[in-house]
Amino acid sequence: MSSLKSLVAAPVSKLRELAGRLLGTYRAFRHSNNPVYSRLTREGWQFWFMIAFILLGASLRNANLLVILAGALIGMIWIQWRVCTRTLANLSVARRLPRTIQARRPFEIELNIKNPKGWLGAWLVLVQDRLVYAPLQKSIHSASQAIQLLFLSIPPKSTRSQRYQCIAQRRGRYQWLGLEITTRFPLGLMRAFLQQKSPEYLTVQPAIGKLAPNWSELFRKRDSGNRQRQVRALSDEGDFFGLRAYRPGDSKRWIHWRSSARRDELVVKQFQQPENQELVILLDLFEPITNDELVKKELATIENSAVEFVATLVHQITSSNIGSVTVAISDATPTVASRVAAKSQAYFLQDRLATAHGCSVSSLGETLTLLEREHRTVDHLLVISTRAMPEHFDDSQKASQATLGTSHAFWRSIRWIDARGLEASRYFTPAP
């Protein structure tokens, strides 16, 4: 009797050991970083229904051939599960983005899928990428956009890539919701999927519009017209320095026609190297509280126009090497970007402009305080705002008393541009 128990106990212990190993492998698989999951497709459920019908007929008729047929069909299900899960195992997808992305401009995204396995390839792999608009304001919600790319085959130890184009209609911050890799190879009875949930953010910079040829008038005092004409008259003599945009009053004989045709705007020869200037711009974003959805959309349009106006000015100044620009942003988190002269510096400033949004509480006084710390004296201050100029800004002493609490203003002259008015459209045309 004892010998019989020992004979039975040995196989049972081995089965328990094997079951423990399988259970441990399953638990490790479930808790791994990138587990491959599988689900039956509609065709798979129909296949299982057919197998159940065959097994029912085999039990009623005592037909062994039907049992063998059902076993063969179950083997096909097992092969489907094994192949599709092993196909996606260890696959990884990397995303490559351009350095600069602007609103309403198409840009390319490249997806590279890598198969590190030594002998098993991957076939009919579908990669889905999801992007959602996720600004810093939690009250703004947007539906996600899904992009799907099909890779026909990825051989072992190789990488395949595909590209697709996107257009972001709004500036601001976007979030990738993760990548999902799926396949139904080889029979389509199961769908295996592998998820890569690594939170990544994308900043879409403001669109760059077009400035009028006389845009430099924004940084000049209005009472200095005679001196400006004298400076332009001096540009007719001296050594050739470069090209610049045409300004009213320039001589027509200095127009460079080839460059004008290529740039689609008039440019003239410049014979005098301009002195480096320090231009100062203040972006004032103020958004009154309203519950009307139409008014909110109109305010958002005005705000975007003001931000794109400043972004275009920064792009023009840093590209033409006429000096440096300081930009003060008056929004929920006042910021001052001081003496931006190179394109590399302008890149970070454009990112900050991308996330600039107005608030119902004006931070103009705090922004002017930060600006005064950077520049003790400003010859000419250009303000681009989403509202009309307050009455006390007509007098510099009253403006300084109301915003800074002092009787002396650190700016010598100020020009206020309301983004809602016609004056802004004289100098700036938004990008389509």
Protein backbone atom coordinates (compact mmCIF):
# COMPACT_ATOMS: atom_id res chain seq x y z
CA MET A 1 0.00 0.00 0.00
CA SER A 2 2.83 2.36 0.86
CA SER A 3 4.60 1.57 -2.40
CA LEU A 4 1.41 2.46 -4.30
CA LYS A 5 1.18 5.81 -2.51
CA SER A 6 4.80 6.57 -3.31
CA LEU A 7 4.23 5.74 -6.97
CA VAL A 8 1.24 8.12 -7.09
CA ALA A 9 2.89 10.88 -5.04
CA ALA A 10 5.94 11.21 -7.29
CA PRO A 11 4.03 12.25 -10.47
CA VAL A 12 1.72 14.49 -8.43
CA SER A 13 4.66 16.37 -6.92
CA LYS A 14 6.19 16.82 -10.35
CA LEU A 15 2.90 18.15 -11.69
CA ARG A 16 2.67 20.58 -8.77
CA GLU A 17 6.23 21.75 -9.41
CA LEU A 18 5.48 22.25 -13.09
CA ALA A 19 2.26 24.13 -12.26
CA GLY A 20 4.19 26.36 -9.84
CA ARG A 21 6.75 27.21 -12.51
CA LEU A 22 4.05 28.00 -15.03
CA LEU A 23 2.21 30.16 -12.49
CA GLY A 24 5.43 32.00 -11.63
CA THR A 25 6.14 32.61 -15.29
CA TYR A 26 2.61 33.92 -15.77
CA ARG A 27 2.89 36.27 -12.78
CA ALA A 28 6.25 37.57 -13.98
CA PHE A 29 4.72 38.14 -17.38
CA ARG A 30 1.77 40.03 -15.91
CA HIS A 31 4.02 42.28 -13.80
CA SER A 32 6.66 42.93 -16.46
CA ASN A 33 7.24 46.44 -17.81
CA ASN A 34 5.73 45.79 -21.23
CA PRO A 35 3.52 42.70 -21.07
CA VAL A 36 1.86 41.49 -24.25
CA TYR A 37 -1.88 41.01 -23.85
CA SER A 38 -4.19 39.12 -26.18
CA ARG A 39 -7.93 39.10 -26.81
CA LEU A 40 -10.19 37.10 -29.05
CA THR A 41 -11.46 38.86 -32.13
CA ARG A 42 -14.97 38.43 -33.49
CA GLU A 43 -13.68 35.71 -35.78
CA GLY A 44 -12.02 34.05 -32.78
CA TRP A 45 -15.29 33.91 -30.84
CA GLN A 46 -17.01 32.40 -33.88
CA PHE A 47 -14.20 29.86 -34.10
CA TRP A 48 -14.69 28.88 -30.44
CA PHE A 49 -18.44 28.54 -31.01
CA MET A 50 -17.73 26.17 -33.89
CA ILE A 51 -15.39 24.12 -31.67
CA ALA A 52 -18.04 23.93 -28.94
CA PHE A 53 -20.63 22.79 -31.49
CA ILE A 54 -18.26 20.05 -32.74
CA LEU A 55 -17.57 18.87 -29.17
CA LEU A 56 -21.30 18.78 -28.45
CA GLY A 57 -21.89 16.66 -31.54
CA ALA A 58 -19.01 14.37 -30.61
CA SER A 59 -20.43 13.79 -27.12
CA LEU A 60 -23.91 13.07 -28.46
CA ARG A 61 -22.75 10.77 -31.26
CA ASN A 62 -19.72 9.28 -29.51
CA ALA A 63 -17.68 10.19 -32.59
CA ASN A 64 -13.96 10.14 -31.91
CA LEU A 65 -13.14 11.77 -35.24
CA LEU A 66 -15.06 14.87 -34.18
CA VAL A 67 -13.04 14.99 -30.96
CA ILE A 68 -9.84 14.80 -32.99
CA LEU A 69 -11.13 17.60 -35.26
CA ALA A 70 -11.98 19.77 -32.24
CA GLY A 71 -8.50 19.13 -30.83
CA ALA A 72 -6.93 20.21 -34.12
CA LEU A 73 -8.97 23.42 -34.09
CA ILE A 74 -7.98 24.11 -30.49
CA GLY A 75 -4.37 23.62 -31.59
CA MET A 76 -4.89 26.35 -34.18
CA ILE A 77 -6.11 28.68 -31.43
CA TRP A 78 -3.00 27.87 -29.40
CA ILE A 79 -0.73 28.50 -32.42
CA GLN A 80 -2.49 31.83 -33.02
CA TRP A 81 -1.95 32.89 -29.39
CA ARG A 82 1.67 31.76 -29.33
CA VAL A 83 2.68 33.38 -32.62
CA CYS A 84 0.95 36.74 -32.12
CA THR A 85 2.24 37.19 -28.56
CA ARG A 86 5.80 36.19 -29.46
CA THR A 87 5.65 38.48 -32.49
CA LEU A 88 5.18 41.57 -30.31
CA ALA A 89 7.54 40.50 -27.54
CA ASN A 90 10.48 42.91 -27.06
CA LEU A 91 9.35 45.23 -29.85
CA SER A 92 10.03 48.91 -29.14
CA VAL A 93 8.96 52.08 -30.92
CA ALA A 94 10.85 55.39 -30.85
CA ARG A 95 9.40 58.72 -31.95
CA ARG A 96 11.44 61.44 -33.69
CA LEU A 97 10.14 65.00 -33.80
CA PRO A 98 11.40 68.16 -35.50
CA ARG A 99 13.06 70.73 -33.26
CA THR A 100 10.62 73.52 -34.08
CA ILE A 101 6.87 73.02 -34.53
CA GLN A 102 4.60 75.93 -35.35
CA ALA A 103 0.84 76.15 -35.24
CA ARG A 104 -1.03 75.70 -38.53
CA ARG A 105 2.12 74.46 -40.24
CA PRO A 106 2.54 70.80 -41.29
CA PHE A 107 5.34 68.87 -39.63
CA GLU A 108 6.61 65.30 -39.94
CA ILE A 109 6.82 62.68 -37.20
CA GLU A 110 8.94 59.58 -37.71
CA LEU A 111 8.23 56.29 -35.93
CA ASN A 112 11.06 53.74 -35.72
CA ILE A 113 10.11 50.20 -34.66
CA LYS A 114 12.91 47.87 -33.60
CA ASN A 115 12.84 44.07 -33.49
CA PRO A 116 15.77 42.81 -31.35
CA LYS A 117 14.82 39.12 -31.56
CA GLY A 118 17.43 36.91 -33.16
CA TRP A 119 15.26 34.55 -35.22
CA LEU A 120 11.58 35.56 -35.18
CA GLY A 121 10.35 38.40 -37.36
CA ALA A 122 7.17 40.44 -37.00
CA TRP A 123 4.45 40.76 -39.61
CA LEU A 124 1.39 42.97 -40.08
CA VAL A 125 2.19 45.14 -37.06
CA LEU A 126 -0.13 48.11 -36.52
CA VAL A 127 1.23 51.05 -34.49
CA GLN A 128 -1.24 53.58 -33.09
CA ASP A 129 -0.09 56.97 -31.81
CA ARG A 130 -2.42 59.25 -29.83
CA LEU A 131 -2.01 62.98 -29.28
CA VAL A 132 -4.19 65.29 -27.17
CA TYR A 133 -4.19 69.04 -26.56
CA ALA A 134 -3.22 69.45 -22.90
CA PRO A 135 -2.66 73.10 -21.93
CA LEU A 136 -1.62 74.19 -18.47
CA GLN A 137 -5.19 75.28 -17.76
CA LYS A 138 -6.95 72.19 -16.45
CA SER A 139 -10.35 73.56 -17.45
CA ILE A 140 -9.62 73.16 -21.17
CA HIS A 141 -10.31 69.70 -22.55
CA SER A 142 -9.88 68.28 -26.02
CA ALA A 143 -10.47 64.94 -27.69
CA SER A 144 -7.43 62.87 -28.62
CA GLN A 145 -6.36 62.31 -32.20
CA ALA A 146 -5.24 58.80 -33.22
CA ILE A 147 -2.77 58.01 -36.00
CA GLN A 148 -2.29 54.44 -37.24
CA LEU A 149 0.65 53.09 -39.27
CA LEU A 150 0.92 49.55 -40.66
CA PHE A 151 4.32 47.84 -40.84
CA LEU A 152 4.14 44.85 -43.18
CA SER A 153 7.25 43.12 -41.83
CA ILE A 154 10.10 43.76 -39.40
CA PRO A 155 12.89 41.20 -39.91
CA PRO A 156 14.91 39.94 -36.92
CA LYS A 157 17.55 42.33 -35.58
CA SER A 158 16.39 45.20 -37.79
CA THR A 159 14.55 48.52 -37.63
CA ARG A 160 11.81 49.86 -39.86
CA SER A 161 10.55 53.44 -39.98
CA GLN A 162 7.56 55.34 -41.33
CA ARG A 163 6.59 58.99 -41.33
CA TYR A 164 3.33 60.84 -41.14
CA GLN A 165 2.36 64.50 -41.26
CA CYS A 166 0.45 66.44 -38.62
CA ILE A 167 -0.95 69.95 -38.33
CA ALA A 168 -1.52 71.47 -34.90
CA GLN A 169 -4.22 74.10 -35.21
CA ARG A 170 -3.47 75.72 -31.84
CA ARG A 171 -0.32 76.75 -30.08
CA GLY A 172 0.39 75.37 -26.65
CA ARG A 173 1.25 72.11 -24.97
CA TYR A 174 0.25 68.72 -26.32
CA GLN A 175 0.62 65.33 -24.67
CA TRP A 176 1.32 61.93 -26.17
CA LEU A 177 -0.97 59.32 -24.60
CA GLY A 178 1.37 56.47 -25.46
CA LEU A 179 1.93 54.03 -28.28
CA GLU A 180 -0.03 50.84 -28.87
CA ILE A 181 1.42 48.03 -31.01
CA THR A 182 -1.05 45.41 -32.23
CA THR A 183 -1.11 42.42 -34.57
CA ARG A 184 -3.57 39.71 -35.63
CA PHE A 185 -1.03 37.63 -37.47
CA PRO A 186 -1.28 34.83 -38.66
CA LEU A 187 -4.95 33.73 -38.60
CA GLY A 188 -6.75 36.78 -37.25
CA LEU A 189 -8.40 34.80 -34.44
CA MET A 190 -6.69 36.83 -31.70
CA ARG A 191 -5.49 40.37 -31.32
CA ALA A 192 -2.27 40.82 -29.36
CA PHE A 193 -1.34 44.30 -28.18
CA LEU A 194 1.63 45.88 -26.46
CA GLN A 195 1.38 49.33 -24.86
CA GLN A 196 4.17 51.83 -24.30
CA LYS A 197 2.86 54.40 -21.84
CA SER A 198 5.65 56.91 -21.45
CA PRO A 199 4.19 60.41 -20.89
CA GLU A 200 5.75 62.89 -23.30
CA TYR A 201 4.85 66.49 -24.01
CA LEU A 202 5.08 68.51 -27.19
CA THR A 203 5.16 72.31 -27.37
CA VAL A 204 3.69 73.92 -30.48
CA GLN A 205 5.06 77.42 -30.97
CA PRO A 206 2.96 80.33 -32.26
CA ALA A 207 2.58 80.67 -35.99
CA ILE A 208 4.88 83.20 -37.65
CA GLY A 209 2.90 85.75 -39.63
CA LYS A 210 4.00 88.50 -41.98
CA LEU A 211 5.13 91.98 -40.99
CA ALA A 212 4.56 95.08 -43.06
CA PRO A 213 7.65 96.71 -44.62
CA ASN A 214 7.32 99.62 -42.18
CA TRP A 215 7.23 97.44 -39.05
CA SER A 216 10.32 99.16 -37.63
CA GLU A 217 8.20 102.28 -37.05
CA LEU A 218 6.80 100.51 -33.99
CA PHE A 219 10.10 101.08 -32.18
CA ARG A 220 10.49 104.76 -33.05
CA LYS A 221 9.21 107.80 -31.31
CA ARG A 222 6.42 109.43 -33.22
CA ASP A 223 7.98 112.88 -33.01
CA SER A 224 11.26 111.88 -34.61
CA GLY A 225 10.20 111.79 -38.25
CA ASN A 226 12.75 114.37 -39.45
CA ARG A 227 15.61 112.53 -37.76
CA GLN A 228 14.46 109.22 -39.31
CA ARG A 229 14.54 110.71 -42.79
CA GLN A 230 18.05 111.97 -42.14
CA VAL A 231 19.20 108.51 -41.08
CA ARG A 232 17.70 106.98 -44.21
CA ALA A 233 19.41 109.61 -46.33
CA LEU A 234 22.75 108.58 -44.88
CA SER A 235 22.16 105.02 -46.10
CA ASP A 236 22.68 106.15 -49.70
CA GLU A 237 26.40 106.51 -49.13
CA GLY A 238 29.14 104.30 -47.76
CA ASP A 239 30.11 100.66 -48.14
CA PHE A 240 27.57 98.00 -49.02
CA PHE A 241 26.51 96.16 -45.86
CA GLY A 242 23.49 94.02 -46.70
CA LEU A 243 19.79 94.03 -47.48
CA ARG A 244 16.84 95.23 -45.45
CA ALA A 245 13.11 95.72 -45.90
CA TYR A 246 11.92 98.70 -47.91
CA ARG A 247 10.74 101.69 -45.89
CA PRO A 248 8.69 104.65 -47.09
CA GLY A 249 11.10 107.35 -48.22
CA ASP A 250 13.83 105.01 -49.49
CA SER A 251 15.23 105.71 -52.94
CA LYS A 252 13.87 103.39 -55.63
CA ARG A 253 17.28 103.02 -57.25
CA TRP A 254 18.53 101.06 -54.24
CA ILE A 255 15.83 98.37 -54.57
CA HIS A 256 17.34 94.91 -55.06
CA TRP A 257 14.88 93.46 -57.55
CA ARG A 258 16.08 89.84 -57.52
CA SER A 259 15.85 89.53 -53.75
CA SER A 260 12.52 91.37 -53.79
CA ALA A 261 11.09 88.83 -56.25
CA ARG A 262 12.44 85.91 -54.21
CA ARG A 263 11.10 87.20 -50.86
CA ASP A 264 7.84 88.52 -52.33
CA GLU A 265 8.45 91.92 -50.72
CA LEU A 266 10.56 94.97 -51.51
CA VAL A 267 14.10 94.95 -50.11
CA VAL A 268 16.76 97.62 -50.58
CA LYS A 269 20.53 97.70 -50.43
CA GLN A 270 21.96 98.90 -47.15
CA PHE A 271 25.19 100.88 -47.16
CA GLN A 272 25.46 101.67 -43.49
CA GLN A 273 25.65 99.05 -40.76
CA PRO A 274 22.93 99.82 -38.24
CA GLU A 275 23.84 100.18 -34.63
CA ASN A 276 22.79 97.36 -32.35
CA GLN A 277 19.57 98.32 -30.65
CA GLU A 278 17.92 97.05 -27.52
CA LEU A 279 14.23 96.75 -28.30
CA VAL A 280 11.70 96.20 -25.53
CA ILE A 281 8.28 94.58 -26.03
CA LEU A 282 5.61 94.00 -23.40
CA LEU A 283 2.88 91.46 -24.15
CA ASP A 284 -0.18 92.25 -22.03
CA LEU A 285 -2.71 89.40 -21.95
CA PHE A 286 -5.90 90.21 -20.09
CA GLU A 287 -9.03 88.06 -20.34
CA PRO A 288 -12.19 89.29 -18.61
CA ILE A 289 -14.52 86.77 -17.00
CA THR A 290 -17.46 85.78 -19.19
CA ASN A 291 -19.83 82.83 -19.55
CA ASP A 292 -20.71 83.47 -23.19
CA GLU A 293 -19.04 80.85 -25.41
CA LEU A 294 -19.00 83.14 -28.45
CA VAL A 295 -17.26 85.86 -26.46
CA LYS A 296 -14.72 83.32 -25.17
CA LYS A 297 -13.88 82.25 -28.73
CA GLU A 298 -13.50 85.88 -29.80
CA LEU A 299 -11.21 86.61 -26.84
CA ALA A 300 -9.12 83.52 -27.66
CA THR A 301 -8.75 84.71 -31.26
CA ILE A 302 -7.60 88.16 -30.12
CA GLU A 303 -5.16 86.61 -27.65
CA ASN A 304 -3.64 84.35 -30.31
CA SER A 305 -3.28 87.31 -32.66
CA ALA A 306 -1.39 89.31 -30.02
CA VAL A 307 0.91 86.38 -29.18
CA GLU A 308 1.63 85.68 -32.86
CA PHE A 309 2.35 89.38 -33.41
CA VAL A 310 5.04 89.31 -30.71
CA ALA A 311 6.39 85.95 -31.93
CA THR A 312 6.73 87.33 -35.46
CA LEU A 313 8.54 90.43 -34.20
CA VAL A 314 10.97 88.27 -32.22
CA HIS A 315 11.58 86.07 -35.26
CA GLN A 316 12.22 89.09 -37.49
CA ILE A 317 14.57 90.81 -35.03
CA THR A 318 16.67 87.74 -34.28
CA SER A 319 16.87 86.80 -37.96
CA SER A 320 17.93 90.22 -39.25
CA ASN A 321 20.68 90.83 -36.64
CA ILE A 322 19.59 94.40 -35.95
CA GLY A 323 20.04 94.07 -32.20
CA SER A 324 18.55 92.35 -29.18
CA VAL A 325 14.99 92.25 -27.93
CA THR A 326 13.59 92.00 -24.42
CA VAL A 327 10.10 90.53 -24.12
CA ALA A 328 8.01 90.85 -20.97
CA ILE A 329 4.93 88.62 -20.79
CA SER A 330 2.09 89.72 -18.54
CA ASP A 331 -0.09 86.68 -17.87
CA ALA A 332 -0.77 84.33 -14.96
CA THR A 333 3.00 83.85 -14.47
CA PRO A 334 4.78 87.09 -15.45
CA THR A 335 8.07 86.47 -17.24
CA VAL A 336 10.84 88.62 -18.70
CA ALA A 337 13.17 87.27 -21.40
CA SER A 338 16.03 89.74 -21.45
CA ARG A 339 18.26 90.66 -24.40
CA VAL A 340 17.40 87.88 -26.81
CA ALA A 341 19.65 88.21 -29.86
CA ALA A 342 20.31 84.71 -31.25
CA LYS A 343 17.93 82.19 -32.75
CA SER A 344 18.88 79.65 -30.09
CA GLN A 345 17.69 82.07 -27.40
CA ALA A 346 14.58 82.90 -29.40
CA TYR A 347 13.67 79.19 -29.47
CA PHE A 348 13.09 79.11 -25.70
CA LEU A 349 11.25 82.42 -25.85
CA GLN A 350 8.92 81.05 -28.53
CA ASP A 351 8.22 78.06 -26.27
CA ARG A 352 7.25 80.45 -23.48
CA LEU A 353 4.98 82.39 -25.84
CA ALA A 354 3.33 79.10 -26.82
CA THR A 355 2.03 78.59 -23.27
CA ALA A 356 1.12 82.23 -22.58
CA HIS A 357 -2.56 82.68 -21.73
CA GLY A 358 -4.44 85.60 -20.28
CA CYS A 359 -6.13 85.69 -16.90
CA SER A 360 -8.91 87.74 -15.36
CA VAL A 361 -6.55 89.40 -12.85
CA SER A 362 -4.17 91.86 -14.46
CA SER A 363 -0.48 91.33 -13.71
CA LEU A 364 0.71 94.39 -15.61
CA GLY A 365 2.16 96.08 -12.52
CA GLU A 366 4.14 93.00 -11.50
CA THR A 367 5.45 92.58 -15.05
CA LEU A 368 6.57 96.21 -15.24
CA THR A 369 8.38 95.75 -11.92
CA LEU A 370 10.28 92.76 -13.31
CA LEU A 371 11.06 94.71 -16.47
CA GLU A 372 12.41 97.66 -14.46
CA ARG A 373 14.81 95.33 -12.65
CA GLU A 374 16.26 94.24 -15.99
CA HIS A 375 16.28 97.69 -17.62
CA ARG A 376 16.63 100.69 -15.37
CA THR A 377 15.80 102.96 -18.30
CA VAL A 378 13.91 102.14 -21.51
CA ASP A 379 13.95 104.63 -24.36
CA HIS A 380 10.86 103.26 -26.07
CA LEU A 381 8.44 100.64 -24.74
CA LEU A 382 6.18 98.81 -27.19
CA VAL A 383 3.09 97.29 -25.58
CA ILE A 384 0.97 94.79 -27.52
CA SER A 385 -2.19 94.12 -25.57
CA THR A 386 -5.56 92.43 -25.83
CA ARG A 387 -7.26 95.52 -24.39
CA ALA A 388 -7.26 99.26 -24.93
CA MET A 389 -4.68 101.43 -23.21
CA PRO A 390 -5.80 102.49 -19.72
CA GLU A 391 -6.45 106.20 -19.33
CA HIS A 392 -3.68 106.76 -16.78
CA PHE A 393 -1.06 105.60 -19.33
CA ASP A 394 -1.47 108.89 -21.21
CA ASP A 395 0.67 110.42 -18.48
CA SER A 396 3.87 108.53 -17.63
CA GLN A 397 3.84 109.74 -14.03
CA LYS A 398 0.25 108.60 -13.46
CA ALA A 399 0.98 105.28 -15.17
CA SER A 400 4.04 104.70 -13.00
CA GLN A 401 2.12 105.67 -9.87
CA ALA A 402 -0.73 103.27 -10.72
CA THR A 403 1.42 100.28 -11.73
CA LEU A 404 4.77 100.67 -9.94
CA GLY A 405 3.82 102.87 -7.00
CA THR A 406 6.45 105.48 -7.92
CA SER A 407 6.17 108.91 -9.47
CA HIS A 408 8.96 108.32 -11.99
CA ALA A 409 8.46 106.03 -15.00
CA PHE A 410 11.47 104.07 -16.22
CA TRP A 411 10.35 104.40 -19.86
CA ARG A 412 10.82 107.60 -21.84
CA SER A 413 8.14 106.89 -24.43
CA ILE A 414 5.48 104.24 -24.82
CA ARG A 415 3.38 102.96 -27.70
CA TRP A 416 0.31 100.87 -27.00
CA ILE A 417 -1.01 98.56 -29.74
CA ASP A 418 -4.48 97.11 -29.21
CA ALA A 419 -4.67 93.72 -30.97
CA ARG A 420 -8.37 94.32 -31.59
CA GLY A 421 -7.85 97.58 -33.51
CA LEU A 422 -6.85 98.51 -37.02
CA GLU A 423 -3.41 99.72 -35.95
CA ALA A 424 -2.24 96.15 -35.38
CA SER A 425 -3.41 95.09 -38.85
CA ARG A 426 -1.32 97.88 -40.40
CA TYR A 427 1.88 96.19 -39.27
CA PHE A 428 1.00 92.50 -38.92
CA THR A 429 -0.87 89.90 -40.95
CA PRO A 430 -1.51 86.56 -39.19
CA ALA A 431 -0.45 83.33 -40.86
CA PRO A 432 -3.27 81.55 -42.71
